[in-house]
PDB file of N, CA and C in Angstrom:
ATOM      1  N   UNK A   1      -8.472  10.831  -8.130  1.00  0.00           N
ATOM      2  CA  UNK A   1      -7.744   9.857  -7.840  1.00  0.00           C
ATOM      3  C   UNK A   1      -6.554  10.369  -7.116  1.00  0.00           C
ATOM      4  N   UNK A   2      -6.601   9.876  -5.801  1.00  0.00           N
ATOM      5  CA  UNK A   2      -5.117  10.237  -5.064  1.00  0.00           C
ATOM      6  C   UNK A   2      -3.967   9.090  -5.089  1.00  0.00           C
ATOM      7  N   UNK A   3      -2.808   9.487  -5.345  1.00  0.00           N
ATOM      8  CA  UNK A   3      -1.805   8.264  -5.556  1.00  0.00           C
ATOM      9  C   UNK A   3      -0.474   8.850  -4.775  1.00  0.00           C
ATOM     10  N   UNK A   4       0.247   7.656  -4.166  1.00  0.00           N
ATOM     11  CA  UNK A   4       1.323   8.267  -3.490  1.00  0.00           C
ATOM     12  C   UNK A   4       2.470   6.981  -3.573  1.00  0.00           C
ATOM     13  N   UNK A   5       3.728   7.212  -3.912  1.00  0.00           N
ATOM     14  CA  UNK A   5       4.757   6.374  -4.209  1.00  0.00           C
ATOM     15  C   UNK A   5       5.781   6.559  -3.110  1.00  0.00           C
ATOM     16  N   UNK A   6       6.269   5.309  -2.501  1.00  0.00           N
ATOM     17  CA  UNK A   6       7.359   5.279  -1.574  1.00  0.00           C
ATOM     18  C   UNK A   6       7.916   3.851  -1.290  1.00  0.00           C
ATOM     19  N   UNK A   7       8.698   4.092  -0.396  1.00  0.00           N
ATOM     20  CA  UNK A   7       9.360   2.555   0.233  1.00  0.00           C
ATOM     21  C   UNK A   7       8.366   1.786   1.205  1.00  0.00           C
ATOM     22  N   UNK A   8       7.878   0.784   1.381  1.00  0.00           N
ATOM     23  CA  UNK A   8       7.394   0.236   2.253  1.00  0.00           C
ATOM     24  C   UNK A   8       8.330   0.087   3.518  1.00  0.00           C
ATOM     25  N   UNK A   9       8.166   0.601   4.622  1.00  0.00           N
ATOM     26  CA  UNK A   9       8.751   0.513   5.973  1.00  0.00           C
ATOM     27  C   UNK A   9       8.317  -0.268   6.942  1.00  0.00           C
ATOM     28  N   UNK A  10       6.878  -0.347   7.038  1.00  0.00           N
ATOM     29  CA  UNK A  10       6.023  -1.157   7.949  1.00  0.00           C
ATOM     30  C   UNK A  10       5.067  -1.590   7.604  1.00  0.00           C
ATOM     31  N   UNK A  11       4.996  -3.138   7.605  1.00  0.00           N
ATOM     32  CA  UNK A  11       3.699  -3.609   7.095  1.00  0.00           C
ATOM     33  C   UNK A  11       3.211  -4.665   8.222  1.00  0.00           C
ATOM     34  N   UNK A  12       1.933  -4.249   8.512  1.00  0.00           N
ATOM     35  CA  UNK A  12       1.381  -4.617   9.589  1.00  0.00           C
ATOM     36  C   UNK A  12       0.393  -6.139   9.276  1.00  0.00           C
ATOM     37  N   UNK A  13       0.047  -6.924  10.243  1.00  0.00           N
ATOM     38  CA  UNK A  13      -0.753  -8.029  10.116  1.00  0.00           C
ATOM     39  C   UNK A  13      -2.281  -7.568   9.918  1.00  0.00           C
ATOM     40  N   UNK A  14      -3.053  -8.338   9.431  1.00  0.00           N
ATOM     41  CA  UNK A  14      -4.479  -7.801   9.417  1.00  0.00           C
ATOM     42  C   UNK A  14      -5.024  -8.115  10.671  1.00  0.00           C
ATOM     43  N   UNK A  15      -5.695  -7.229  11.032  1.00  0.00           N
ATOM     44  CA  UNK A  15      -6.584  -7.010  12.357  1.00  0.00           C
ATOM     45  C   UNK A  15      -7.804  -6.972  12.274  1.00  0.00           C
ATOM     46  N   UNK A  16      -8.494  -8.038  13.048  1.00  0.00           N
ATOM     47  CA  UNK A  16     -10.058  -8.033  12.974  1.00  0.00           C
ATOM     48  C   UNK A  16     -10.727  -7.282  14.124  1.00  0.00           C
ATOM     49  N   UNK A  17     -10.967  -6.027  13.691  1.00  0.00           N
ATOM     50  CA  UNK A  17     -11.627  -5.114  14.520  1.00  0.00           C
ATOM     51  C   UNK A  17     -12.859  -5.274  15.320  1.00  0.00           C
ATOM     52  N   UNK A  18     -13.776  -5.684  14.608  1.00  0.00           N
ATOM     53  CA  UNK A  18     -15.087  -6.209  15.093  1.00  0.00           C
ATOM     54  C   UNK A  18     -15.492  -7.420  14.128  1.00  0.00           C
ATOM     55  N   UNK A  19     -16.581  -7.996  14.588  1.00  0.00           N
ATOM     56  CA  UNK A  19     -17.135  -9.089  13.496  1.00  0.00           C
ATOM     57  C   UNK A  19     -16.996  -8.874  12.154  1.00  0.00           C
ATOM     58  N   UNK A  20     -17.499  -7.610  11.540  1.00  0.00           N
ATOM     59  CA  UNK A  20     -17.723  -7.353  10.349  1.00  0.00           C
ATOM     60  C   UNK A  20     -16.467  -6.325   9.774  1.00  0.00           C
ATOM     61  N   UNK A  21     -15.734  -5.979  10.364  1.00  0.00           N
ATOM     62  CA  UNK A  21     -14.453  -5.025  10.099  1.00  0.00           C
ATOM     63  C   UNK A  21     -13.066  -5.612  10.108  1.00  0.00           C
ATOM     64  N   UNK A  22     -12.405  -5.609   9.442  1.00  0.00           N
ATOM     65  CA  UNK A  22     -10.891  -5.804   9.738  1.00  0.00           C
ATOM     66  C   UNK A  22     -10.082  -4.977   8.659  1.00  0.00           C
ATOM     67  N   UNK A  23      -8.999  -4.616   9.041  1.00  0.00           N
ATOM     68  CA  UNK A  23      -7.840  -3.641   8.589  1.00  0.00           C
ATOM     69  C   UNK A  23      -6.458  -4.060   8.665  1.00  0.00           C
ATOM     70  N   UNK A  24      -5.694  -3.601   7.654  1.00  0.00           N
ATOM     71  CA  UNK A  24      -4.345  -3.771   7.554  1.00  0.00           C
ATOM     72  C   UNK A  24      -3.698  -2.463   7.532  1.00  0.00           C
ATOM     73  N   UNK A  25      -2.852  -2.242   8.263  1.00  0.00           N
ATOM     74  CA  UNK A  25      -2.041  -0.945   8.058  1.00  0.00           C
ATOM     75  C   UNK A  25      -0.542  -1.098   7.673  1.00  0.00           C
ATOM     76  N   UNK A  26      -0.242  -0.155   6.790  1.00  0.00           N
ATOM     77  CA  UNK A  26       1.259  -0.303   6.186  1.00  0.00           C
ATOM     78  C   UNK A  26       1.598   1.386   5.940  1.00  0.00           C
ATOM     79  N   UNK A  27       3.149   1.589   6.114  1.00  0.00           N
ATOM     80  CA  UNK A  27       3.688   2.894   5.942  1.00  0.00           C
ATOM     81  C   UNK A  27       4.540   2.823   4.996  1.00  0.00           C
ATOM     82  N   UNK A  28       4.411   3.886   4.108  1.00  0.00           N
ATOM     83  CA  UNK A  28       5.264   4.179   3.179  1.00  0.00           C
ATOM     84  C   UNK A  28       6.323   5.576   3.364  1.00  0.00           C
ATOM     85  N   UNK A  29       7.233   5.376   3.015  1.00  0.00           N
ATOM     86  CA  UNK A  29       8.207   6.693   3.140  1.00  0.00           C
ATOM     87  C   UNK A  29       8.731   6.902   1.691  1.00  0.00           C
ATOM     88  N   UNK A  30       8.294   8.461   1.569  1.00  0.00           N
ATOM     89  CA  UNK A  30       8.631   8.915   0.321  1.00  0.00           C
ATOM     90  C   UNK A  30      10.241   9.392   0.149  1.00  0.00           C
ATOM     91  N   UNK A  31      10.744   9.858  -0.882  1.00  0.00           N
ATOM     92  CA  UNK A  31      12.118  10.111  -0.910  1.00  0.00           C
ATOM     93  C   UNK A  31      12.504  11.578  -1.132  1.00  0.00           C
ATOM     94  N   UNK A  32      11.521  12.245  -0.780  1.00  0.00           N
ATOM     95  CA  UNK A  32      11.683  13.862  -1.035  1.00  0.00           C
ATOM     96  C   UNK A  32      13.016  14.533  -0.153  1.00  0.00           C
ATOM     97  N   UNK A  33      13.151  15.572  -0.117  1.00  0.00           N
ATOM     98  CA  UNK A  33      14.198  16.538   0.336  1.00  0.00           C
ATOM     99  C   UNK A  33      13.980  16.341   2.004  1.00  0.00           C
ATOM    100  N   UNK A  34      12.825  16.222   2.304  1.00  0.00           N
ATOM    101  CA  UNK A  34      12.198  15.936   3.944  1.00  0.00           C
ATOM    102  C   UNK A  34      11.295  14.911   3.753  1.00  0.00           C
ATOM    103  N   UNK A  35      11.823  13.468   3.861  1.00  0.00           N
ATOM    104  CA  UNK A  35      10.961  12.163   3.750  1.00  0.00           C
ATOM    105  C   UNK A  35       9.798  12.459   4.515  1.00  0.00           C
ATOM    106  N   UNK A  36       8.750  11.894   4.113  1.00  0.00           N
ATOM    107  CA  UNK A  36       7.634  11.633   4.916  1.00  0.00           C
ATOM    108  C   UNK A  36       7.296  10.338   4.897  1.00  0.00           C
ATOM    109  N   UNK A  37       6.692   9.786   6.314  1.00  0.00           N
ATOM    110  CA  UNK A  37       6.327   8.690   6.496  1.00  0.00           C
ATOM    111  C   UNK A  37       4.686   8.822   6.779  1.00  0.00           C
ATOM    112  N   UNK A  38       3.967   7.831   5.689  1.00  0.00           N
ATOM    113  CA  UNK A  38       2.689   7.978   5.567  1.00  0.00           C
ATOM    114  C   UNK A  38       1.955   6.747   5.930  1.00  0.00           C
ATOM    115  N   UNK A  39       0.752   6.727   6.776  1.00  0.00           N
ATOM    116  CA  UNK A  39       0.132   5.506   7.238  1.00  0.00           C
ATOM    117  C   UNK A  39      -0.926   5.549   6.476  1.00  0.00           C
ATOM    118  N   UNK A  40      -1.094   4.335   5.716  1.00  0.00           N
ATOM    119  CA  UNK A  40      -2.213   3.847   4.737  1.00  0.00           C
ATOM    120  C   UNK A  40      -2.863   2.533   5.433  1.00  0.00           C
ATOM    121  N   UNK A  41      -4.136   2.313   4.845  1.00  0.00           N
ATOM    122  CA  UNK A  41      -4.690   1.189   5.489  1.00  0.00           C
ATOM    123  C   UNK A  41      -5.603   0.451   4.275  1.00  0.00           C
ATOM    124  N   UNK A  42      -5.473  -0.758   4.530  1.00  0.00           N
ATOM    125  CA  UNK A  42      -6.425  -1.668   3.448  1.00  0.00           C
ATOM    126  C   UNK A  42      -7.703  -2.319   4.548  1.00  0.00           C
ATOM    127  N   UNK A  43      -8.743  -2.187   3.869  1.00  0.00           N
ATOM    128  CA  UNK A  43     -10.072  -2.862   4.632  1.00  0.00           C
ATOM    129  C   UNK A  43     -10.534  -3.905   3.979  1.00  0.00           C
ATOM    130  N   UNK A  44     -11.252  -4.736   4.667  1.00  0.00           N
ATOM    131  CA  UNK A  44     -12.002  -5.987   4.374  1.00  0.00           C
ATOM    132  C   UNK A  44     -11.154  -6.741   3.428  1.00  0.00           C
ATOM    133  N   UNK A  45     -11.737  -7.078   2.242  1.00  0.00           N
ATOM    134  CA  UNK A  45     -11.085  -7.843   1.332  1.00  0.00           C
ATOM    135  C   UNK A  45     -10.204  -7.415   0.686  1.00  0.00           C
ATOM    136  N   UNK A  46      -9.733  -6.061   0.833  1.00  0.00           N
ATOM    137  CA  UNK A  46      -8.652  -5.254   0.237  1.00  0.00           C
ATOM    138  C   UNK A  46      -7.285  -5.496   1.255  1.00  0.00           C
ATOM    139  N   UNK A  47      -7.458  -6.161   2.547  1.00  0.00           N
ATOM    140  CA  UNK A  47      -6.427  -6.668   3.286  1.00  0.00           C
ATOM    141  C   UNK A  47      -5.380  -7.517   2.380  1.00  0.00           C
ATOM    142  N   UNK A  48      -5.754  -8.480   1.525  1.00  0.00           N
ATOM    143  CA  UNK A  48      -4.976  -9.263   1.199  1.00  0.00           C
ATOM    144  C   UNK A  48      -3.897  -8.383  -0.152  1.00  0.00           C
ATOM    145  N   UNK A  49      -4.421  -7.111  -0.484  1.00  0.00           N
ATOM    146  CA  UNK A  49      -3.775  -6.678  -1.678  1.00  0.00           C
ATOM    147  C   UNK A  49      -1.964  -6.402  -1.201  1.00  0.00           C
ATOM    148  N   UNK A  50      -1.939  -6.734   0.303  1.00  0.00           N
ATOM    149  CA  UNK A  50      -0.664  -6.362   0.582  1.00  0.00           C
ATOM    150  C   UNK A  50       0.129  -7.696   0.742  1.00  0.00           C
ATOM    151  N   UNK A  51      -0.426  -8.879   0.498  1.00  0.00           N
ATOM    152  CA  UNK A  51       0.311 -10.111   0.240  1.00  0.00           C
ATOM    153  C   UNK A  51       1.051  -9.985  -0.703  1.00  0.00           C
ATOM    154  N   UNK A  52       2.346 -10.642  -0.559  1.00  0.00           N
ATOM    155  CA  UNK A  52       3.181 -10.593  -1.588  1.00  0.00           C
ATOM    156  C   UNK A  52       4.049  -9.517  -1.514  1.00  0.00           C
ATOM    157  N   UNK A  53       3.991  -8.501  -0.721  1.00  0.00           N
ATOM    158  CA  UNK A  53       4.923  -7.275  -1.010  1.00  0.00           C
ATOM    159  C   UNK A  53       5.470  -7.582   0.482  1.00  0.00           C
ATOM    160  N   UNK A  54       6.809  -7.052   0.761  1.00  0.00           N
ATOM    161  CA  UNK A  54       7.746  -6.923   1.772  1.00  0.00           C
ATOM    162  C   UNK A  54       8.548  -5.751   2.034  1.00  0.00           C
ATOM    163  N   UNK A  55       8.632  -5.570   3.299  1.00  0.00           N
ATOM    164  CA  UNK A  55       9.451  -4.276   3.552  1.00  0.00           C
ATOM    165  C   UNK A  55      10.614  -4.122   2.651  1.00  0.00           C
ATOM    166  N   UNK A  56      10.656  -2.758   2.036  1.00  0.00           N
ATOM    167  CA  UNK A  56      11.614  -2.581   1.382  1.00  0.00           C
ATOM    168  C   UNK A  56      11.239  -2.105  -0.162  1.00  0.00           C
ATOM    169  N   UNK A  57      10.009  -2.989  -0.536  1.00  0.00           N
ATOM    170  CA  UNK A  57       9.674  -2.695  -1.701  1.00  0.00           C
ATOM    171  C   UNK A  57       9.154  -1.192  -2.048  1.00  0.00           C
ATOM    172  N   UNK A  58       9.276  -0.847  -3.211  1.00  0.00           N
ATOM    173  CA  UNK A  58       9.004   0.304  -3.624  1.00  0.00           C
ATOM    174  C   UNK A  58       7.692   0.142  -4.280  1.00  0.00           C
ATOM    175  N   UNK A  59       6.428   0.958  -3.440  1.00  0.00           N
ATOM    176  CA  UNK A  59       5.257   0.902  -4.054  1.00  0.00           C
ATOM    177  C   UNK A  59       4.354   2.078  -4.526  1.00  0.00           C
ATOM    178  N   UNK A  60       3.511   1.993  -5.378  1.00  0.00           N
ATOM    179  CA  UNK A  60       2.487   3.029  -5.835  1.00  0.00           C
ATOM    180  C   UNK A  60       1.168   2.761  -5.178  1.00  0.00           C
ATOM    181  N   UNK A  61       0.549   3.603  -4.350  1.00  0.00           N
ATOM    182  CA  UNK A  61      -0.792   3.448  -3.691  1.00  0.00           C
ATOM    183  C   UNK A  61      -1.837   4.302  -4.327  1.00  0.00           C
ATOM    184  N   UNK A  62      -2.785   3.704  -4.756  1.00  0.00           N
ATOM    185  CA  UNK A  62      -4.017   4.332  -5.157  1.00  0.00           C
ATOM    186  C   UNK A  62      -4.971   4.662  -3.897  1.00  0.00           C
ATOM    187  N   UNK A  63      -5.449   5.499  -3.391  1.00  0.00           N
ATOM    188  CA  UNK A  63      -6.204   5.348  -2.259  1.00  0.00           C
ATOM    189  C   UNK A  63      -7.432   6.650  -2.301  1.00  0.00           C
ATOM    190  N   UNK A  64      -8.167   6.362  -1.428  1.00  0.00           N
ATOM    191  CA  UNK A  64      -9.326   7.305  -1.048  1.00  0.00           C
ATOM    192  C   UNK A  64      -8.933   8.142   0.278  1.00  0.00           C
ATOM    193  N   UNK A  65      -9.360   9.406   0.560  1.00  0.00           N
ATOM    194  CA  UNK A  65      -9.195   9.959   1.586  1.00  0.00           C
ATOM    195  C   UNK A  65     -10.447   9.947   2.461  1.00  0.00           C
ATOM    196  N   UNK A  66     -10.500   9.631   3.761  1.00  0.00           N
ATOM    197  CA  UNK A  66     -11.846   9.574   4.198  1.00  0.00           C
ATOM    198  C   UNK A  66     -11.509  10.320   5.630  1.00  0.00           C
ATOM    199  N   UNK A  67     -12.729  10.758   5.938  1.00  0.00           N
ATOM    200  CA  UNK A  67     -12.469  11.641   7.297  1.00  0.00           C
ATOM    201  C   UNK A  67     -13.778  11.394   8.227  1.00  0.00           C
ATOM    202  N   UNK A  68     -13.787  11.341   9.547  1.00  0.00           N
ATOM    203  CA  UNK A  68     -15.031  11.293  10.055  1.00  0.00           C
ATOM    204  C   UNK A  68     -14.867  12.026  11.759  1.00  0.00           C
ATOM    205  N   UNK A  69     -15.880  12.364  12.100  1.00  0.00           N
ATOM    206  CA  UNK A  69     -16.094  12.867  13.524  1.00  0.00           C
ATOM    207  C   UNK A  69     -16.369  11.896  14.413  1.00  0.00           C
ATOM    208  N   UNK A  70     -15.927  12.163  15.576  1.00  0.00           N
ATOM    209  CA  UNK A  70     -16.102  11.350  16.945  1.00  0.00           C
ATOM    210  C   UNK A  70     -16.436  12.284  18.028  1.00  0.00           C
ATOM    211  N   UNK A  71     -17.603  12.024  18.841  1.00  0.00           N
ATOM    212  CA  UNK A  71     -17.726  12.727  19.884  1.00  0.00           C
ATOM    213  C   UNK A  71     -17.648  11.902  21.146  1.00  0.00           C
ATOM    214  N   UNK A  72     -16.491  12.329  21.999  1.00  0.00           N
ATOM    215  CA  UNK A  72     -15.904  11.758  23.090  1.00  0.00           C
ATOM    216  C   UNK A  72     -16.994  11.880  24.196  1.00  0.00           C
ATOM    217  N   UNK A  73     -16.759  11.136  25.497  1.00  0.00           N
ATOM    218  CA  UNK A  73     -17.605  11.022  26.425  1.00  0.00           C
ATOM    219  C   UNK A  73     -17.938  12.434  27.083  1.00  0.00           C
ATOM    220  N   UNK A  74     -16.922  13.234  26.877  1.00  0.00           N
ATOM    221  CA  UNK A  74     -17.050  14.547  27.472  1.00  0.00           C
ATOM    222  C   UNK A  74     -17.750  16.020  26.597  1.00  0.00           C
ATOM    223  N   UNK A  75     -18.197  15.106  25.380  1.00  0.00           N
ATOM    224  CA  UNK A  75     -18.757  16.017  24.578  1.00  0.00           C
ATOM    225  C   UNK A  75     -18.131  16.884  23.586  1.00  0.00           C
ATOM    226  N   UNK A  76     -16.600  16.482  23.402  1.00  0.00           N
ATOM    227  CA  UNK A  76     -15.959  17.080  22.378  1.00  0.00           C
ATOM    228  C   UNK A  76     -15.811  16.126  21.278  1.00  0.00           C
ATOM    229  N   UNK A  77     -15.893  17.317  20.195  1.00  0.00           N
ATOM    230  CA  UNK A  77     -15.830  16.662  18.956  1.00  0.00           C
ATOM    231  C   UNK A  77     -14.231  16.228  18.537  1.00  0.00           C
ATOM    232  N   UNK A  78     -14.087  15.195  18.084  1.00  0.00           N
ATOM    233  CA  UNK A  78     -12.702  14.938  17.627  1.00  0.00           C
ATOM    234  C   UNK A  78     -12.574  14.494  16.143  1.00  0.00           C
ATOM    235  N   UNK A  79     -11.686  14.740  15.254  1.00  0.00           N
ATOM    236  CA  UNK A  79     -11.901  14.627  13.930  1.00  0.00           C
ATOM    237  C   UNK A  79     -10.902  13.477  13.524  1.00  0.00           C
ATOM    238  N   UNK A  80     -11.036  12.475  12.571  1.00  0.00           N
ATOM    239  CA  UNK A  80      -9.805  11.425  12.165  1.00  0.00           C
ATOM    240  C   UNK A  80      -9.872  11.526  10.873  1.00  0.00           C
ATOM    241  N   UNK A  81      -8.761  11.232  10.241  1.00  0.00           N
ATOM    242  CA  UNK A  81      -8.701  10.859   8.880  1.00  0.00           C
ATOM    243  C   UNK A  81      -8.103   9.499   8.538  1.00  0.00           C
ATOM    244  N   UNK A  82      -8.423   8.977   7.285  1.00  0.00           N
ATOM    245  CA  UNK A  82      -7.406   7.639   7.009  1.00  0.00           C
ATOM    246  C   UNK A  82      -7.573   7.537   5.466  1.00  0.00           C
ATOM    247  N   UNK A  83      -6.449   6.885   5.263  1.00  0.00           N
ATOM    248  CA  UNK A  83      -6.169   6.950   3.685  1.00  0.00           C
ATOM    249  C   UNK A  83      -6.246   5.383   3.161  1.00  0.00           C
ATOM    250  N   UNK A  84      -7.450   5.211   2.506  1.00  0.00           N
ATOM    251  CA  UNK A  84      -7.824   3.829   2.279  1.00  0.00           C
ATOM    252  C   UNK A  84      -7.347   3.170   0.778  1.00  0.00           C
ATOM    253  N   UNK A  85      -6.410   2.474   1.058  1.00  0.00           N
ATOM    254  CA  UNK A  85      -5.791   1.889  -0.243  1.00  0.00           C
ATOM    255  C   UNK A  85      -6.845   1.053  -0.793  1.00  0.00           C
ATOM    256  N   UNK A  86      -6.743   1.159  -2.442  1.00  0.00           N
ATOM    257  CA  UNK A  86      -7.764   0.149  -3.002  1.00  0.00           C
ATOM    258  C   UNK A  86      -6.976  -0.369  -4.143  1.00  0.00           C
ATOM    259  N   UNK A  87      -5.716   0.303  -4.636  1.00  0.00           N
ATOM    260  CA  UNK A  87      -4.825  -0.488  -5.607  1.00  0.00           C
ATOM    261  C   UNK A  87      -3.374  -0.070  -4.942  1.00  0.00           C
ATOM    262  N   UNK A  88      -2.830  -1.355  -5.240  1.00  0.00           N
ATOM    263  CA  UNK A  88      -1.207  -1.141  -5.027  1.00  0.00           C
ATOM    264  C   UNK A  88      -0.481  -1.798  -5.742  1.00  0.00           C
ATOM    265  N   UNK A  89       0.582  -1.102  -6.572  1.00  0.00           N
ATOM    266  CA  UNK A  89       1.447  -1.819  -7.352  1.00  0.00           C
ATOM    267  C   UNK A  89       3.028  -1.727  -7.067  1.00  0.00           C
ATOM    268  N   UNK A  90       3.694  -2.633  -7.533  1.00  0.00           N
ATOM    269  CA  UNK A  90       5.212  -2.512  -7.106  1.00  0.00           C
ATOM    270  C   UNK A  90       6.052  -1.737  -8.216  1.00  0.00           C
ATOM    271  N   UNK A  91       6.802  -0.704  -7.781  1.00  0.00           N
ATOM    272  CA  UNK A  91       7.340   0.277  -8.918  1.00  0.00           C
ATOM    273  C   UNK A  91       8.384  -0.487  -9.316  1.00  0.00           C
ATOM    274  N   UNK A  92       8.558  -0.442 -10.558  1.00  0.00           N
ATOM    275  CA  UNK A  92       9.709  -1.046 -11.296  1.00  0.00           C
ATOM    276  C   UNK A  92      10.063  -2.409 -11.038  1.00  0.00           C
ATOM    277  N   UNK A  93       8.923  -3.410 -11.071  1.00  0.00           N
ATOM    278  CA  UNK A  93       8.692  -4.834 -10.865  1.00  0.00           C
ATOM    279  C   UNK A  93       9.814  -5.402 -11.770  1.00  0.00           C
ATOM    280  N   UNK A  94      10.164  -6.634 -11.436  1.00  0.00           N
ATOM    281  CA  UNK A  94      11.116  -7.492 -11.897  1.00  0.00           C
ATOM    282  C   UNK A  94      11.096  -7.315 -13.374  1.00  0.00           C
ATOM    283  N   UNK A  95      12.166  -7.322 -14.419  1.00  0.00           N
ATOM    284  CA  UNK A  95      12.147  -7.456 -15.585  1.00  0.00           C
ATOM    285  C   UNK A  95      11.652  -8.840 -16.416  1.00  0.00           C
ATOM    286  N   UNK A  96      10.848  -8.504 -17.278  1.00  0.00           N
ATOM    287  CA  UNK A  96      10.245  -9.668 -17.819  1.00  0.00           C
ATOM    288  C   UNK A  96      11.235 -10.652 -18.436  1.00  0.00           C
ATOM    289  N   UNK A  97      10.990 -12.107 -18.305  1.00  0.00           N
ATOM    290  CA  UNK A  97      11.849 -12.784 -18.480  1.00  0.00           C
ATOM    291  C   UNK A  97      11.951 -12.753 -20.249  1.00  0.00           C
ATOM    292  N   UNK A  98      13.300 -12.960 -20.665  1.00  0.00           N
ATOM    293  CA  UNK A  98      13.650 -12.955 -22.055  1.00  0.00           C
ATOM    294  C   UNK A  98      13.980 -14.427 -22.530  1.00  0.00           C
ATOM    295  N   UNK A  99      12.869 -14.929 -23.042  1.00  0.00           N
ATOM    296  CA  UNK A  99      12.933 -16.355 -23.617  1.00  0.00           C
ATOM    297  C   UNK A  99      13.687 -16.316 -25.006  1.00  0.00           C
ATOM    298  N   UNK A 100      14.146 -15.332 -25.616  1.00  0.00           N
ATOM    299  CA  UNK A 100      15.035 -15.229 -26.894  1.00  0.00           C
ATOM    300  C   UNK A 100      16.385 -16.013 -26.679  1.00  0.00           C
ATOM    301  N   UNK A 101      16.645 -16.641 -27.610  1.00  0.00           N
ATOM    302  CA  UNK A 101      18.011 -17.545 -27.499  1.00  0.00           C
ATOM    303  C   UNK A 101      19.054 -16.446 -27.393  1.00  0.00           C
ATOM    304  N   UNK A 102      20.309 -16.584 -27.183  1.00  0.00           N
ATOM    305  CA  UNK A 102      21.591 -15.862 -27.258  1.00  0.00           C
ATOM    306  C   UNK A 102      21.790 -15.690 -28.851  1.00  0.00           C
ATOM    307  N   UNK A 103      22.557 -14.572 -29.179  1.00  0.00           N
ATOM    308  CA  UNK A 103      22.833 -14.113 -30.590  1.00  0.00           C
ATOM    309  C   UNK A 103      23.869 -15.192 -30.985  1.00  0.00           C
ATOM    310  N   UNK A 104      23.510 -16.421 -31.200  1.00  0.00           N
ATOM    311  CA  UNK A 104      24.622 -17.137 -31.820  1.00  0.00           C
ATOM    312  C   UNK A 104      24.380 -17.571 -33.184  1.00  0.00           C
ATOM    313  N   UNK A 105      23.484 -17.224 -33.623  1.00  0.00           N
ATOM    314  CA  UNK A 105      22.864 -17.462 -35.255  1.00  0.00           C
ATOM    315  C   UNK A 105      21.923 -18.818 -35.168  1.00  0.00           C
ATOM    316  N   UNK A 106      21.335 -19.424 -33.974  1.00  0.00           N
ATOM    317  CA  UNK A 106      20.551 -20.427 -34.115  1.00  0.00           C
ATOM    318  C   UNK A 106      19.249 -19.917 -33.634  1.00  0.00           C
ATOM    319  N   UNK A 107      18.422 -20.376 -34.759  1.00  0.00           N
ATOM    320  CA  UNK A 107      16.990 -20.019 -34.348  1.00  0.00           C
ATOM    321  C   UNK A 107      16.327 -20.921 -33.448  1.00  0.00           C
ATOM    322  N   UNK A 108      15.339 -20.611 -32.791  1.00  0.00           N
ATOM    323  CA  UNK A 108      14.604 -21.512 -32.062  1.00  0.00           C
ATOM    324  C   UNK A 108      13.684 -22.429 -32.552  1.00  0.00           C
ATOM    325  N   UNK A 109      13.344 -22.465 -33.822  1.00  0.00           N
ATOM    326  CA  UNK A 109      12.541 -23.057 -34.664  1.00  0.00           C
ATOM    327  C   UNK A 109      12.995 -23.999 -35.785  1.00  0.00           C
TER     328      UNK A 109
END
């Protein structure tokens, strides 16, 4: 399993590439000494995984590394990689709501 954590700096719209293929790209920037900006994509029904996130959110992305070869019209082979997200979680999400009463001696029952 490959995983990366960073701040969401670009959140693209879902793009319908062909009748049967859609993708949504997004970019995370990590916080290392030399920050890296990494492009990920969510495809097909996973495009909706990005709904509810906004630029500035700290996310952890689980992804698969995909590669493919393409031969151009001149007969040259070109190689491409993609990072296909399959699980996305917000880091340090909001604290759970505390329904306990204040410490004033009153019990809730």
